C-alpha atoms as a PDB file:
ATOM      1  CA  MET A   1     197.070   8.920 -23.580  1.00  0.00           C
ATOM      2  CA  ASP A   2     200.847   8.807 -23.307  1.00  0.00           C
ATOM      3  CA  GLU A   3     202.187  11.219 -20.659  1.00  0.00           C
ATOM      4  CA  SER A   4     205.522   9.466 -20.221  1.00  0.00           C
ATOM      5  CA  ARG A   5     207.207  11.441 -23.146  1.00  0.00           C
ATOM      6  CA  HIS A   6     210.087  13.775 -22.175  1.00  0.00           C
ATOM      7  CA  PRO A   7     209.053  17.133 -20.504  1.00  0.00           C
ATOM      8  CA  ILE A   8     209.297  20.016 -22.839  1.00  0.00           C
ATOM      9  CA  GLU A   9     211.014  22.277 -20.217  1.00  0.00           C
ATOM     10  CA  ASP A  10     214.207  21.797 -18.290  1.00  0.00           C
ATOM     11  CA  PRO A  11     213.246  20.422 -14.858  1.00  0.00           C
ATOM     12  CA  ALA A  12     216.442  22.102 -13.294  1.00  0.00           C
ATOM     13  CA  MET A  13     214.804  25.669 -13.906  1.00  0.00           C
ATOM     14  CA  GLN A  14     213.278  26.755 -10.535  1.00  0.00           C
ATOM     15  CA  VAL A  15     209.826  28.272 -10.608  1.00  0.00           C
ATOM     16  CA  THR A  16     207.375  29.521  -8.273  1.00  0.00           C
ATOM     17  CA  PRO A  17     204.104  27.683  -8.535  1.00  0.00           C
ATOM     18  CA  ARG A  18     201.025  29.538  -9.358  1.00  0.00           C
ATOM     19  CA  ARG A  19     198.257  28.593  -6.978  1.00  0.00           C
ATOM     20  CA  PHE A  20     194.625  28.261  -7.956  1.00  0.00           C
ATOM     21  CA  VAL A  21     191.933  28.121  -5.237  1.00  0.00           C
ATOM     22  CA  PHE A  22     188.708  26.473  -6.746  1.00  0.00           C
ATOM     23  CA  LEU A  23     185.625  27.625  -4.857  1.00  0.00           C
ATOM     24  CA  LEU A  24     183.010  25.184  -5.243  1.00  0.00           C
ATOM     25  CA  LEU A  25     179.514  26.472  -5.185  1.00  0.00           C
ATOM     26  CA  GLU A  26     176.519  24.167  -4.535  1.00  0.00           C
ATOM     27  CA  GLU A  27     175.385  22.336  -7.778  1.00  0.00           C
ATOM     28  CA  PHE A  28     178.537  23.410  -9.546  1.00  0.00           C
ATOM     29  CA  THR A  29     179.033  21.954 -12.968  1.00  0.00           C
ATOM     30  CA  LEU A  30     181.493  19.127 -12.927  1.00  0.00           C
ATOM     31  CA  LEU A  31     182.720  19.452 -16.442  1.00  0.00           C
ATOM     32  CA  SER A  32     183.862  23.096 -16.017  1.00  0.00           C
ATOM     33  CA  CYS A  33     185.543  22.410 -12.838  1.00  0.00           C
ATOM     34  CA  THR A  34     187.379  19.142 -13.712  1.00  0.00           C
ATOM     35  CA  ALA A  35     188.586  20.346 -17.144  1.00  0.00           C
ATOM     36  CA  ALA A  36     190.343  23.235 -15.547  1.00  0.00           C
ATOM     37  CA  LEU A  37     191.969  20.992 -12.887  1.00  0.00           C
ATOM     38  CA  GLU A  38     193.199  18.533 -15.412  1.00  0.00           C
ATOM     39  CA  ALA A  39     194.771  21.162 -17.575  1.00  0.00           C
ATOM     40  CA  LEU A  40     196.918  22.197 -14.458  1.00  0.00           C
ATOM     41  CA  ARG A  41     197.649  18.633 -13.696  1.00  0.00           C
ATOM     42  CA  ILE A  42     198.896  17.874 -17.240  1.00  0.00           C
ATOM     43  CA  ALA A  43     200.941  21.107 -17.258  1.00  0.00           C
ATOM     44  CA  ASN A  44     202.982  20.048 -14.381  1.00  0.00           C
ATOM     45  CA  ARG A  45     203.386  16.472 -15.675  1.00  0.00           C
ATOM     46  CA  MET A  46     204.551  17.593 -19.179  1.00  0.00           C
ATOM     47  CA  SER A  47     206.897  20.332 -17.824  1.00  0.00           C
ATOM     48  CA  GLY A  48     208.492  18.170 -15.270  1.00  0.00           C
ATOM     49  CA  LYS A  49     207.996  20.727 -12.663  1.00  0.00           C
ATOM     50  CA  THR A  50     205.436  21.939 -10.193  1.00  0.00           C
ATOM     51  CA  LEU A  51     204.085  24.878 -12.297  1.00  0.00           C
ATOM     52  CA  TYR A  52     200.753  24.950 -10.575  1.00  0.00           C
ATOM     53  CA  GLU A  53     199.257  24.066  -7.330  1.00  0.00           C
ATOM     54  CA  TRP A  54     195.480  24.145  -6.430  1.00  0.00           C
ATOM     55  CA  CYS A  55     193.032  23.440  -3.699  1.00  0.00           C
ATOM     56  CA  LEU A  56     189.374  23.001  -3.604  1.00  0.00           C
ATOM     57  CA  VAL A  57     187.354  25.045  -0.879  1.00  0.00           C
ATOM     58  CA  SER A  58     183.745  25.740  -0.042  1.00  0.00           C
ATOM     59  CA  GLU A  59     181.891  28.274   1.959  1.00  0.00           C
ATOM     60  CA  THR A  60     181.505  25.860   5.019  1.00  0.00           C
ATOM     61  CA  GLY A  61     184.299  23.577   4.319  1.00  0.00           C
ATOM     62  CA  GLU A  62     182.035  20.743   3.488  1.00  0.00           C
ATOM     63  CA  ASN A  63     182.202  18.523   0.428  1.00  0.00           C
ATOM     64  CA  ARG A  64     180.288  19.902  -2.476  1.00  0.00           C
ATOM     65  CA  VAL A  65     177.783  18.194  -4.653  1.00  0.00           C
ATOM     66  CA  SER A  66     177.890  18.926  -8.351  1.00  0.00           C
ATOM     67  CA  SER A  67     174.840  19.377 -10.627  1.00  0.00           C
ATOM     68  CA  ALA A  68     175.571  15.763 -11.917  1.00  0.00           C
ATOM     69  CA  GLY A  69     175.225  14.458  -8.288  1.00  0.00           C
ATOM     70  CA  ALA A  70     178.779  13.626  -7.914  1.00  0.00           C
ATOM     71  CA  SER A  71     180.641  15.208  -4.963  1.00  0.00           C
ATOM     72  CA  LEU A  72     184.225  16.633  -4.757  1.00  0.00           C
ATOM     73  CA  VAL A  73     186.191  16.494  -1.564  1.00  0.00           C
ATOM     74  CA  VAL A  74     187.104  20.026  -0.468  1.00  0.00           C
ATOM     75  CA  GLU A  75     190.344  20.816   1.615  1.00  0.00           C
ATOM     76  CA  GLY A  76     188.981  23.913   3.551  1.00  0.00           C
ATOM     77  CA  THR A  77     186.936  26.951   3.832  1.00  0.00           C
ATOM     78  CA  MET A  78     187.203  30.573   2.552  1.00  0.00           C
ATOM     79  CA  SER A  79     190.298  31.785   4.257  1.00  0.00           C
ATOM     80  CA  GLU A  80     192.693  34.623   3.633  1.00  0.00           C
ATOM     81  CA  LEU A  81     194.867  33.966   0.624  1.00  0.00           C
ATOM     82  CA  SER A  82     197.942  35.231  -0.782  1.00  0.00           C
ATOM     83  CA  ARG A  83     197.611  38.120  -3.215  1.00  0.00           C
ATOM     84  CA  ASP A  84     199.483  35.884  -5.802  1.00  0.00           C
ATOM     85  CA  ASP A  85     196.633  33.344  -5.681  1.00  0.00           C
ATOM     86  CA  THR A  86     193.932  33.006  -8.205  1.00  0.00           C
ATOM     87  CA  ILE A  87     190.346  32.320  -7.100  1.00  0.00           C
ATOM     88  CA  LEU A  88     188.281  30.261  -9.703  1.00  0.00           C
ATOM     89  CA  ILE A  89     184.452  30.186  -8.581  1.00  0.00           C
ATOM     90  CA  CYS A  90     182.787  27.010 -10.015  1.00  0.00           C
ATOM     91  CA  GLY A  91     179.181  27.971 -10.588  1.00  0.00           C
ATOM     92  CA  GLY A  92     176.381  25.780 -12.168  1.00  0.00           C
ATOM     93  CA  LEU A  93     172.756  25.508 -11.322  1.00  0.00           C
ATOM     94  CA  ASN A  94     170.786  28.129  -9.251  1.00  0.00           C
ATOM     95  CA  VAL A  95     173.806  30.305  -9.060  1.00  0.00           C
ATOM     96  CA  GLN A  96     171.731  33.290  -7.806  1.00  0.00           C
ATOM     97  CA  LYS A  97     170.598  31.344  -4.705  1.00  0.00           C
ATOM     98  CA  HIS A  98     174.226  29.938  -4.162  1.00  0.00           C
ATOM     99  CA  SER A  99     175.864  33.419  -4.423  1.00  0.00           C
ATOM    100  CA  ASN A 100     175.071  34.340  -0.789  1.00  0.00           C
ATOM    101  CA  LEU A 101     176.478  37.152   1.372  1.00  0.00           C
ATOM    102  CA  ALA A 102     179.281  35.139   2.888  1.00  0.00           C
ATOM    103  CA  VAL A 103     180.472  34.179  -0.479  1.00  0.00           C
ATOM    104  CA  LEU A 104     180.248  37.816  -1.823  1.00  0.00           C
ATOM    105  CA  ASN A 105     182.068  39.467   1.159  1.00  0.00           C
ATOM    106  CA  TRP A 106     184.979  36.970   0.855  1.00  0.00           C
ATOM    107  CA  LEU A 107     185.402  37.689  -2.803  1.00  0.00           C
ATOM    108  CA  ARG A 108     185.165  41.397  -2.268  1.00  0.00           C
ATOM    109  CA  ARG A 109     187.753  41.223   0.544  1.00  0.00           C
ATOM    110  CA  GLU A 110     190.272  39.183  -1.574  1.00  0.00           C
ATOM    111  CA  ALA A 111     189.762  41.442  -4.596  1.00  0.00           C
ATOM    112  CA  ARG A 112     190.683  44.316  -2.424  1.00  0.00           C
ATOM    113  CA  ARG A 113     193.879  42.436  -1.471  1.00  0.00           C
ATOM    114  CA  GLY A 114     194.708  41.988  -5.112  1.00  0.00           C
ATOM    115  CA  VAL A 115     193.839  38.329  -5.683  1.00  0.00           C
ATOM    116  CA  LYS A 116     192.854  37.436  -9.319  1.00  0.00           C
ATOM    117  CA  ILE A 117     189.316  36.018  -9.549  1.00  0.00           C
ATOM    118  CA  GLY A 118     187.616  34.147 -12.308  1.00  0.00           C
ATOM    119  CA  GLY A 119     184.105  32.693 -12.766  1.00  0.00           C
ATOM    120  CA  LEU A 120     183.518  29.303 -14.486  1.00  0.00           C
ATOM    121  CA  CYS A 121     180.231  28.390 -16.062  1.00  0.00           C
ATOM    122  CA  THR A 122     177.612  30.755 -14.522  1.00  0.00           C
ATOM    123  CA  ALA A 123     179.833  32.120 -11.768  1.00  0.00           C
ATOM    124  CA  ALA A 124     180.039  35.449 -13.777  1.00  0.00           C
ATOM    125  CA  HIS A 125     176.749  36.146 -11.838  1.00  0.00           C
ATOM    126  CA  THR A 126     178.589  35.801  -8.657  1.00  0.00           C
ATOM    127  CA  MET A 127     181.324  38.024  -9.714  1.00  0.00           C
ATOM    128  CA  ALA A 128     178.881  40.789 -11.014  1.00  0.00           C
ATOM    129  CA  LYS A 129     176.846  40.637  -7.762  1.00  0.00           C
ATOM    130  CA  ALA A 130     180.047  41.139  -5.893  1.00  0.00           C
ATOM    131  CA  GLY A 131     180.967  44.042  -8.164  1.00  0.00           C
ATOM    132  CA  LEU A 132     183.997  42.520  -9.467  1.00  0.00           C
ATOM    133  CA  ILE A 133     183.581  42.748 -13.299  1.00  0.00           C
ATOM    134  CA  GLU A 134     185.918  45.912 -13.555  1.00  0.00           C
ATOM    135  CA  SER A 135     186.216  46.068 -17.418  1.00  0.00           C
ATOM    136  CA  LYS A 136     182.281  45.968 -17.702  1.00  0.00           C
ATOM    137  CA  HIS A 137     182.477  43.165 -20.085  1.00  0.00           C
ATOM    138  CA  ALA A 138     182.103  39.411 -19.465  1.00  0.00           C
ATOM    139  CA  THR A 139     180.723  36.165 -20.758  1.00  0.00           C
ATOM    140  CA  ILE A 140     178.508  33.587 -19.162  1.00  0.00           C
ATOM    141  CA  HIS A 141     176.722  30.436 -20.392  1.00  0.00           C
ATOM    142  CA  TRP A 142     174.310  31.334 -23.120  1.00  0.00           C
ATOM    143  CA  GLU A 143     171.342  29.964 -21.283  1.00  0.00           C
ATOM    144  CA  ASN A 144     171.925  32.457 -18.576  1.00  0.00           C
ATOM    145  CA  HIS A 145     172.634  35.451 -20.830  1.00  0.00           C
ATOM    146  CA  ASP A 146     169.050  36.882 -20.662  1.00  0.00           C
ATOM    147  CA  SER A 147     168.611  36.704 -16.794  1.00  0.00           C
ATOM    148  CA  PHE A 148     172.152  38.197 -16.448  1.00  0.00           C
ATOM    149  CA  THR A 149     171.411  41.185 -18.662  1.00  0.00           C
ATOM    150  CA  GLU A 150     168.270  41.900 -16.876  1.00  0.00           C
ATOM    151  CA  GLU A 151     169.932  41.918 -13.578  1.00  0.00           C
ATOM    152  CA  PHE A 152     173.239  43.782 -14.657  1.00  0.00           C
ATOM    153  CA  PRO A 153     172.394  46.028 -17.682  1.00  0.00           C
ATOM    154  CA  ASP A 154     175.529  47.909 -17.265  1.00  0.00           C
ATOM    155  CA  ILE A 155     177.874  45.009 -18.070  1.00  0.00           C
ATOM    156  CA  GLU A 156     178.258  44.113 -21.575  1.00  0.00           C
ATOM    157  CA  LEU A 157     178.122  40.405 -22.203  1.00  0.00           C
ATOM    158  CA  THR A 158     180.039  38.890 -25.044  1.00  0.00           C
ATOM    159  CA  LYS A 159     179.010  35.767 -26.769  1.00  0.00           C
ATOM    160  CA  SER A 160     182.601  34.309 -26.571  1.00  0.00           C
ATOM    161  CA  VAL A 161     183.677  31.170 -24.832  1.00  0.00           C
ATOM    162  CA  PHE A 162     185.657  33.270 -22.355  1.00  0.00           C
ATOM    163  CA  ALA A 163     186.623  36.600 -21.523  1.00  0.00           C
ATOM    164  CA  ALA A 164     190.064  37.531 -19.890  1.00  0.00           C
ATOM    165  CA  ASP A 165     191.414  40.653 -18.286  1.00  0.00           C
ATOM    166  CA  ALA A 166     194.538  41.067 -16.248  1.00  0.00           C
ATOM    167  CA  SER A 167     192.805  40.039 -13.129  1.00  0.00           C
ATOM    168  CA  ARG A 168     189.401  38.902 -13.998  1.00  0.00           C
ATOM    169  CA  TYR A 169     188.245  35.845 -16.034  1.00  0.00           C
ATOM    170  CA  THR A 170     184.835  34.520 -17.007  1.00  0.00           C
ATOM    171  CA  THR A 171     183.979  31.512 -18.960  1.00  0.00           C
ATOM    172  CA  ALA A 172     180.764  30.175 -20.634  1.00  0.00           C
ATOM    173  CA  GLY A 173     180.756  26.859 -19.076  1.00  0.00           C
ATOM    174  CA  GLY A 174     181.510  23.281 -20.353  1.00  0.00           C
ATOM    175  CA  THR A 175     184.871  22.894 -22.039  1.00  0.00           C
ATOM    176  CA  ALA A 176     185.304  26.773 -22.201  1.00  0.00           C
ATOM    177  CA  SER A 177     187.097  26.466 -18.941  1.00  0.00           C
ATOM    178  CA  LEU A 178     189.775  24.466 -20.661  1.00  0.00           C
ATOM    179  CA  ASP A 179     190.154  27.139 -23.329  1.00  0.00           C
ATOM    180  CA  LEU A 180     190.862  29.784 -20.481  1.00  0.00           C
ATOM    181  CA  MET A 181     193.249  27.557 -18.701  1.00  0.00           C
ATOM    182  CA  LEU A 182     195.244  26.839 -21.935  1.00  0.00           C
ATOM    183  CA  LYS A 183     195.435  30.587 -22.360  1.00  0.00           C
ATOM    184  CA  LEU A 184     196.702  31.210 -18.811  1.00  0.00           C
ATOM    185  CA  ILE A 185     199.309  28.312 -19.360  1.00  0.00           C
ATOM    186  CA  SER A 186     200.414  29.830 -22.652  1.00  0.00           C
ATOM    187  CA  ASP A 187     200.748  33.322 -21.000  1.00  0.00           C
ATOM    188  CA  ASP A 188     202.597  31.910 -18.030  1.00  0.00           C
ATOM    189  CA  HIS A 189     204.835  29.224 -19.869  1.00  0.00           C
ATOM    190  CA  GLY A 190     204.600  29.607 -23.474  1.00  0.00           C
ATOM    191  CA  PRO A 191     202.337  28.423 -26.382  1.00  0.00           C
ATOM    192  CA  ASP A 192     204.380  25.061 -26.775  1.00  0.00           C
ATOM    193  CA  LEU A 193     203.253  23.939 -23.288  1.00  0.00           C
ATOM    194  CA  ALA A 194     199.671  24.779 -23.850  1.00  0.00           C
ATOM    195  CA  ASN A 195     199.669  23.085 -27.107  1.00  0.00           C
ATOM    196  CA  THR A 196     201.219  20.042 -25.535  1.00  0.00           C
ATOM    197  CA  VAL A 197     198.374  20.104 -22.811  1.00  0.00           C
ATOM    198  CA  ALA A 198     195.606  20.253 -25.436  1.00  0.00           C
ATOM    199  CA  ASP A 199     197.200  17.428 -27.302  1.00  0.00           C
ATOM    200  CA  LEU A 200     197.267  15.114 -24.424  1.00  0.00           C
ATOM    201  CA  MET A 201     193.496  16.090 -23.714  1.00  0.00           C
ATOM    202  CA  ILE A 202     192.565  15.118 -27.299  1.00  0.00           C
ATOM    203  CA  TYR A 203     191.596  18.756 -27.745  1.00  0.00           C
ATOM    204  CA  SER A 204     192.407  19.592 -31.355  1.00  0.00           C
ATOM    205  CA  THR A 205     191.178  23.145 -31.607  1.00  0.00           C
ATOM    206  CA  ILE A 206     192.060  25.641 -29.037  1.00  0.00           C
ATOM    207  CA  ARG A 207     189.510  28.425 -29.041  1.00  0.00           C
ATOM    208  CA  THR A 208     190.281  32.157 -28.145  1.00  0.00           C
ATOM    209  CA  ASP A 209     188.210  34.950 -26.732  1.00  0.00           C
ATOM    210  CA  GLN A 210     187.139  35.629 -30.160  1.00  0.00           C
ATOM    211  CA  ASP A 211     185.267  32.261 -30.584  1.00  0.00           C
ATOM    212  CA  THR A 212     181.598  32.154 -29.853  1.00  0.00           C
ATOM    213  CA  GLN A 213     179.776  29.901 -27.539  1.00  0.00           C
ATOM    214  CA  ARG A 214     177.100  28.369 -29.806  1.00  0.00           C
ATOM    215  CA  MET A 215     177.034  26.799 -33.119  1.00  0.00           C
ATOM    216  CA  SER A 216     176.099  28.847 -36.136  1.00  0.00           C
ATOM    217  CA  ILE A 217     172.321  29.023 -36.948  1.00  0.00           C
ATOM    218  CA  PRO A 218     172.681  26.978 -40.152  1.00  0.00           C
ATOM    219  CA  THR A 219     174.446  24.114 -37.783  1.00  0.00           C
ATOM    220  CA  ARG A 220     171.885  24.526 -35.118  1.00  0.00           C
ATOM    221  CA  ILE A 221     168.884  24.295 -37.488  1.00  0.00           C
ATOM    222  CA  GLY A 222     170.519  21.765 -39.902  1.00  0.00           C
ATOM    223  CA  VAL A 223     169.920  23.877 -42.889  1.00  0.00           C
ATOM    224  CA  ARG A 224     172.183  26.085 -44.915  1.00  0.00           C
ATOM    225  CA  HIS A 225     169.950  28.626 -46.523  1.00  0.00           C
ATOM    226  CA  PRO A 226     171.332  32.222 -46.244  1.00  0.00           C
ATOM    227  CA  LYS A 227     167.881  33.792 -46.165  1.00  0.00           C
ATOM    228  CA  LEU A 228     166.530  31.544 -43.597  1.00  0.00           C
ATOM    229  CA  SER A 229     169.521  32.150 -41.404  1.00  0.00           C
ATOM    230  CA  SER A 230     169.336  35.736 -41.728  1.00  0.00           C
ATOM    231  CA  VAL A 231     165.527  35.761 -40.763  1.00  0.00           C
ATOM    232  CA  ILE A 232     166.206  33.654 -37.684  1.00  0.00           C
ATOM    233  CA  LYS A 233     169.176  35.931 -36.654  1.00  0.00           C
ATOM    234  CA  ARG A 234     166.719  38.888 -37.022  1.00  0.00           C
ATOM    235  CA  MET A 235     164.175  37.067 -34.704  1.00  0.00           C
ATOM    236  CA  GLU A 236     166.755  36.235 -31.999  1.00  0.00           C
ATOM    237  CA  GLY A 237     167.874  39.829 -31.901  1.00  0.00           C
ATOM    238  CA  ASN A 238     164.388  41.145 -31.499  1.00  0.00           C
ATOM    239  CA  ILE A 239     162.422  39.437 -28.724  1.00  0.00           C
ATOM    240  CA  GLU A 240     161.226  42.305 -26.788  1.00  0.00           C
ATOM    241  CA  GLU A 241     159.881  43.896 -29.810  1.00  0.00           C
ATOM    242  CA  PRO A 242     158.973  41.404 -32.328  1.00  0.00           C
ATOM    243  CA  VAL A 243     159.292  42.018 -35.967  1.00  0.00           C
ATOM    244  CA  SER A 244     156.239  41.291 -38.217  1.00  0.00           C
ATOM    245  CA  PRO A 245     156.540  38.423 -40.923  1.00  0.00           C
ATOM    246  CA  SER A 246     156.131  40.945 -43.676  1.00  0.00           C
ATOM    247  CA  VAL A 247     158.953  43.092 -42.502  1.00  0.00           C
ATOM    248  CA  LEU A 248     161.210  40.051 -42.045  1.00  0.00           C
ATOM    249  CA  ALA A 249     160.351  38.947 -45.505  1.00  0.00           C
ATOM    250  CA  LYS A 250     160.927  42.267 -47.092  1.00  0.00           C
ATOM    251  CA  ASP A 251     164.469  42.567 -45.518  1.00  0.00           C
ATOM    252  CA  VAL A 252     165.574  39.380 -47.396  1.00  0.00           C
ATOM    253  CA  GLY A 253     163.799  40.243 -50.641  1.00  0.00           C
ATOM    254  CA  MET A 254     161.061  37.800 -50.265  1.00  0.00           C
ATOM    255  CA  SER A 255     157.166  38.086 -49.985  1.00  0.00           C
ATOM    256  CA  THR A 256     155.479  37.043 -46.955  1.00  0.00           C
ATOM    257  CA  ARG A 257     154.090  33.775 -48.792  1.00  0.00           C
ATOM    258  CA  GLN A 258     157.502  32.836 -49.928  1.00  0.00           C
ATOM    259  CA  LEU A 259     158.914  33.315 -46.244  1.00  0.00           C
ATOM    260  CA  GLU A 260     156.018  31.051 -45.113  1.00  0.00           C
ATOM    261  CA  ARG A 261     156.812  28.374 -47.637  1.00  0.00           C
ATOM    262  CA  LEU A 262     160.568  28.586 -46.726  1.00  0.00           C
ATOM    263  CA  PHE A 263     159.957  27.998 -42.992  1.00  0.00           C
ATOM    264  CA  ARG A 264     157.542  25.092 -43.661  1.00  0.00           C
ATOM    265  CA  ARG A 265     159.872  23.572 -46.133  1.00  0.00           C
ATOM    266  CA  TYR A 266     162.811  23.464 -43.763  1.00  0.00           C
ATOM    267  CA  LEU A 267     161.455  23.724 -40.285  1.00  0.00           C
ATOM    268  CA  ASN A 268     157.908  22.228 -40.660  1.00  0.00           C
ATOM    269  CA  ARG A 269     156.295  25.421 -38.996  1.00  0.00           C
ATOM    270  CA  SER A 270     155.298  28.963 -39.860  1.00  0.00           C
ATOM    271  CA  PRO A 271     157.716  31.894 -39.206  1.00  0.00           C
ATOM    272  CA  LYS A 272     155.140  33.105 -36.565  1.00  0.00           C
ATOM    273  CA  ARG A 273     155.181  29.850 -34.582  1.00  0.00           C
ATOM    274  CA  TYR A 274     158.841  29.787 -34.689  1.00  0.00           C
ATOM    275  CA  TYR A 275     159.354  33.208 -33.546  1.00  0.00           C
ATOM    276  CA  MET A 276     156.854  32.370 -30.653  1.00  0.00           C
ATOM    277  CA  GLY A 277     158.944  29.611 -29.648  1.00  0.00           C
ATOM    278  CA  LEU A 278     162.114  31.738 -29.349  1.00  0.00           C
ATOM    279  CA  ARG A 279     160.128  34.328 -27.376  1.00  0.00           C
ATOM    280  CA  LEU A 280     158.563  31.683 -24.929  1.00  0.00           C
ATOM    281  CA  GLN A 281     162.206  30.177 -24.577  1.00  0.00           C
ATOM    282  CA  LYS A 282     163.547  33.504 -23.307  1.00  0.00           C
ATOM    283  CA  ALA A 283     160.431  33.782 -21.102  1.00  0.00           C
ATOM    284  CA  ARG A 284     161.064  30.542 -19.429  1.00  0.00           C
ATOM    285  CA  ASN A 285     164.820  31.249 -18.758  1.00  0.00           C
ATOM    286  CA  LEU A 286     163.822  34.700 -17.142  1.00  0.00           C
ATOM    287  CA  LEU A 287     161.117  32.894 -15.021  1.00  0.00           C
ATOM    288  CA  LEU A 288     163.530  30.184 -13.726  1.00  0.00           C
ATOM    289  CA  GLN A 289     166.612  32.380 -13.182  1.00  0.00           C
ATOM    290  CA  THR A 290     165.349  35.906 -12.162  1.00  0.00           C
ATOM    291  CA  ASP A 291     162.901  37.341  -9.629  1.00  0.00           C
ATOM    292  CA  MET A 292     161.248  39.328 -12.362  1.00  0.00           C
ATOM    293  CA  SER A 293     157.398  39.693 -12.012  1.00  0.00           C
ATOM    294  CA  VAL A 294     155.484  37.509 -14.446  1.00  0.00           C
ATOM    295  CA  ILE A 295     154.222  40.704 -15.997  1.00  0.00           C
ATOM    296  CA  ASN A 296     157.757  42.087 -16.596  1.00  0.00           C
ATOM    297  CA  VAL A 297     158.819  38.777 -18.044  1.00  0.00           C
ATOM    298  CA  ALA A 298     155.844  39.051 -20.523  1.00  0.00           C
ATOM    299  CA  LEU A 299     156.958  42.637 -21.533  1.00  0.00           C
ATOM    300  CA  ALA A 300     160.642  41.636 -21.914  1.00  0.00           C
ATOM    301  CA  CYS A 301     159.422  38.698 -24.590  1.00  0.00           C
ATOM    302  CA  GLY A 302     157.138  41.065 -26.498  1.00  0.00           C
ATOM    303  CA  PHE A 303     153.748  40.187 -24.918  1.00  0.00           C
ATOM    304  CA  THR A 304     151.807  43.298 -24.035  1.00  0.00           C
ATOM    305  CA  SER A 305     148.865  41.380 -22.500  1.00  0.00           C
ATOM    306  CA  PRO A 306     149.535  38.986 -19.396  1.00  0.00           C
ATOM    307  CA  SER A 307     146.569  36.723 -20.095  1.00  0.00           C
ATOM    308  CA  HIS A 308     147.809  36.343 -23.900  1.00  0.00           C
ATOM    309  CA  PHE A 309     151.326  35.483 -22.497  1.00  0.00           C
ATOM    310  CA  SER A 310     149.808  32.881 -19.844  1.00  0.00           C
ATOM    311  CA  LYS A 311     147.794  31.338 -22.841  1.00  0.00           C
ATOM    312  CA  CYS A 312     150.659  30.984 -25.156  1.00  0.00           C
ATOM    313  CA  TYR A 313     153.038  29.689 -22.288  1.00  0.00           C
ATOM    314  CA  ARG A 314     150.513  26.924 -21.384  1.00  0.00           C
ATOM    315  CA  SER A 315     150.081  25.917 -24.873  1.00  0.00           C
ATOM    316  CA  HIS A 316     153.817  25.557 -25.385  1.00  0.00           C
ATOM    317  CA  TYR A 317     154.967  24.083 -22.129  1.00  0.00           C
ATOM    318  CA  GLY A 318     151.779  22.601 -20.662  1.00  0.00           C
ATOM    319  CA  THR A 319     151.911  24.736 -17.491  1.00  0.00           C
ATOM    320  CA  THR A 320     151.393  28.410 -16.468  1.00  0.00           C
ATOM    321  CA  PRO A 321     154.122  30.983 -15.919  1.00  0.00           C
ATOM    322  CA  TYR A 322     153.098  31.228 -12.356  1.00  0.00           C
ATOM    323  CA  ARG A 323     153.474  27.322 -11.918  1.00  0.00           C
ATOM    324  CA  GLU A 324     156.700  27.406 -13.861  1.00  0.00           C
ATOM    325  CA  ARG A 325     158.250  29.535 -11.001  1.00  0.00           C
ATOM    326  CA  GLY A 326     158.147  26.644  -8.603  1.00  0.00           C
ATOM    327  CA  THR A 327     160.544  24.506 -10.545  1.00  0.00           C
ATOM    328  CA  GLN A 328     163.429  26.942 -10.219  1.00  0.00           C
ATOM    329  CA  VAL A 329     166.254  25.296 -12.103  1.00  0.00           C
ATOM    330  CA  SER A 330     168.748  27.376 -13.842  1.00  0.00           C
ATOM    331  CA  GLY A 331     172.426  27.335 -15.271  1.00  0.00           C
ATOM    332  CA  GLY A 332     174.581  25.311 -17.765  1.00  0.00           C
END
């Protein structure tokens, strides 16, 4: 990677650096955090000026260990900031547990003072819990979508890689934080610099807030069949109130038997079994990421009988919903 080429801006021009304060929650996602940091570093290098400054902080001032086991050295604790600063909360696993009262109170205080605030990966949950998602729309890692919706039903989640307003930002995790930072760099200093940063990071496609997190259904299942994709999309959108195979088949102009053959040919399972897998996957997410009762989880996933839910869950995952609660691992 050649970072020695000429800066794209005149170094003689004076700028006031924009400062980012990265709040690391325990078990934060390393990729989301470091991708954002690297974008700022390269923007400085390629502009020939200190456009951005940053520091890493934690609730206690102690170093934070990421979900990957690697730790980052922090420079301080949650102190009073300048209103021109931007806080980026770095979330990851078990974000509900790590969004404690001290963190929430600090974020609320700084928000009242006009500080811009963003959440990387699962930290949209932290922002919502603090009451900081003002526009009532946000994004979060797709694995945490169900639990977020259950806890904050008034906030509209998008499926985009990031959501950005004037003073609030949320990202979906992974490389989505890089897309957000490239947008901010473009807004601050123009698209040429943002494109140069992306080029240096071997990032050939910059995504916008219109791009979705997950691969398309045909890509995910490895099959390009429009009717099969249509049925699966309908299944994914109707977990709480499952649609019968006969209705699914009718909606795409097929008989139930034809639909059965289609699923067995391409996915080696029946429509009913595939649908059950989707419902149980959502149930597992809710069990691990929320405090919902097992009965309410069952109802949210289309099971009217707790005993039937428990039987299906054990058959699929080899454990009961009640025991699953003890593992408590969540996040992107």
